Protein backbone atom coordinates (compact mmCIF):
# COMPACT_ATOMS: atom_id res chain seq x y z
CA MET A 1 -0.04 0.02 -0.03
CA ASN A 2 1.41 3.27 -0.86
CA PRO A 3 1.81 6.44 1.91
CA THR A 4 -0.69 8.13 0.24
CA GLU A 5 -3.81 5.70 0.18
CA LEU A 6 -2.64 5.03 4.27
CA THR A 7 -3.15 8.61 4.71
CA ARG A 8 -6.24 8.66 3.06
CA GLN A 9 -7.38 5.82 5.27
CA LEU A 10 -6.16 7.20 8.30
CA GLU A 11 -7.75 10.52 7.97
CA PHE A 12 -11.08 9.11 7.15
CA VAL A 13 -10.83 6.82 10.08
CA VAL A 14 -9.95 9.74 12.48
CA ALA A 15 -13.23 11.87 10.94
CA ARG A 16 -15.30 8.98 11.23
CA ARG A 17 -14.72 8.00 14.84
CA HIS A 18 -13.98 11.80 15.81
CA GLN A 19 -10.60 10.61 17.47
CA ASP A 20 -7.14 12.07 17.15
CA GLN A 21 -4.48 10.64 14.70
CA ALA A 22 -2.48 9.28 17.76
CA THR A 23 -5.55 7.34 19.15
CA VAL A 24 -6.35 5.96 15.89
CA LEU A 25 -2.77 5.04 15.10
CA GLY A 26 -2.34 3.21 18.68
CA GLN A 27 -5.74 1.55 18.09
CA ALA A 28 -4.23 0.46 14.62
CA VAL A 29 -0.86 -0.81 16.20
CA GLN A 30 -3.02 -2.80 18.91
CA GLU A 31 -4.94 -4.43 16.35
CA GLY A 32 -2.33 -5.33 14.06
CA ILE A 33 0.10 -6.83 16.69
CA HIS A 34 -3.08 -8.64 17.85
CA ALA A 35 -3.99 -9.97 14.42
CA LEU A 36 -0.09 -10.70 13.52
CA TYR A 37 -0.11 -12.74 16.72
CA ARG A 38 -3.07 -14.99 15.96
CA ASP A 39 -1.32 -15.60 12.76
CA ALA A 40 1.76 -16.80 14.17
CA LEU A 41 0.06 -18.75 17.07
CA LEU A 42 -2.10 -20.42 14.17
CA GLU A 43 1.11 -21.30 12.25
CA ALA A 44 3.05 -23.00 15.28
CA TYR A 45 -0.34 -24.87 16.08
CA LEU A 46 -0.23 -25.89 12.58
CA LEU A 47 3.43 -27.07 13.11
CA GLY A 48 2.71 -28.88 16.38
CA GLN A 49 4.76 -26.34 18.50
CA VAL A 50 1.65 -25.27 20.30
CA ALA A 51 -0.86 -27.34 22.54
CA ARG A 52 -4.59 -27.61 21.59
CA GLU A 53 -5.58 -25.83 25.10
CA ILE A 54 -3.99 -22.54 24.16
CA MET A 55 -5.48 -22.78 20.64
CA LEU A 56 -8.96 -23.09 22.76
CA LYS A 57 -8.48 -20.22 25.00
CA GLU A 58 -7.21 -17.85 22.14
CA PHE A 59 -9.69 -19.11 19.13
CA GLY A 60 -12.80 -20.69 20.73
CA VAL A 61 -13.96 -24.51 20.37
CA GLU A 62 -16.07 -23.23 16.91
CA GLN A 63 -13.03 -21.43 15.18
CA LEU A 64 -10.72 -24.23 16.41
CA GLU A 65 -12.97 -26.92 15.01
CA GLU A 66 -13.20 -25.14 11.61
CA LEU A 67 -9.62 -24.37 11.57
CA GLU A 68 -8.63 -28.30 12.26
CA PHE A 69 -11.50 -29.22 9.79
CA GLN A 70 -9.70 -27.26 6.96
CA ARG A 71 -6.38 -28.60 7.93
CA ASP A 72 -7.60 -32.35 7.64
CA VAL A 73 -9.41 -31.48 4.37
CA PHE A 74 -6.14 -30.20 3.12
CA LYS A 75 -4.31 -32.93 4.25
CA ARG A 76 -6.99 -35.61 2.63
CA ASP A 77 -6.40 -33.62 -1.00
CA VAL A 78 -2.69 -33.52 -0.56
CA THR A 79 -2.61 -37.30 -0.03
CA TRP A 80 -5.25 -37.88 -2.45
CA GLY A 81 -3.17 -36.01 -5.09
CA MET A 82 0.33 -37.84 -4.40
CA GLN A 83 -1.54 -40.72 -5.09
CA ASN A 84 -2.84 -39.88 -8.50
CA VAL A 85 0.35 -38.54 -9.77
């Protein structure tokens, strides 16, 4: 994303929320770090480096079950594809 687009988006959020730039930027950093943390946690879980209990606490039962379902489907698809090479 180019700096001009980022500035335009920041100004829009500042105007809509009636907050100063520092507050909006602080929220953006906090939300961004949280999203990056969840991505890293998911990756670590899929690599077997994080316990399921930690994932349950962070993602909840429904979301974790959906993630595990997607992982299992992907594994089955890869296995099937490798058998038909």
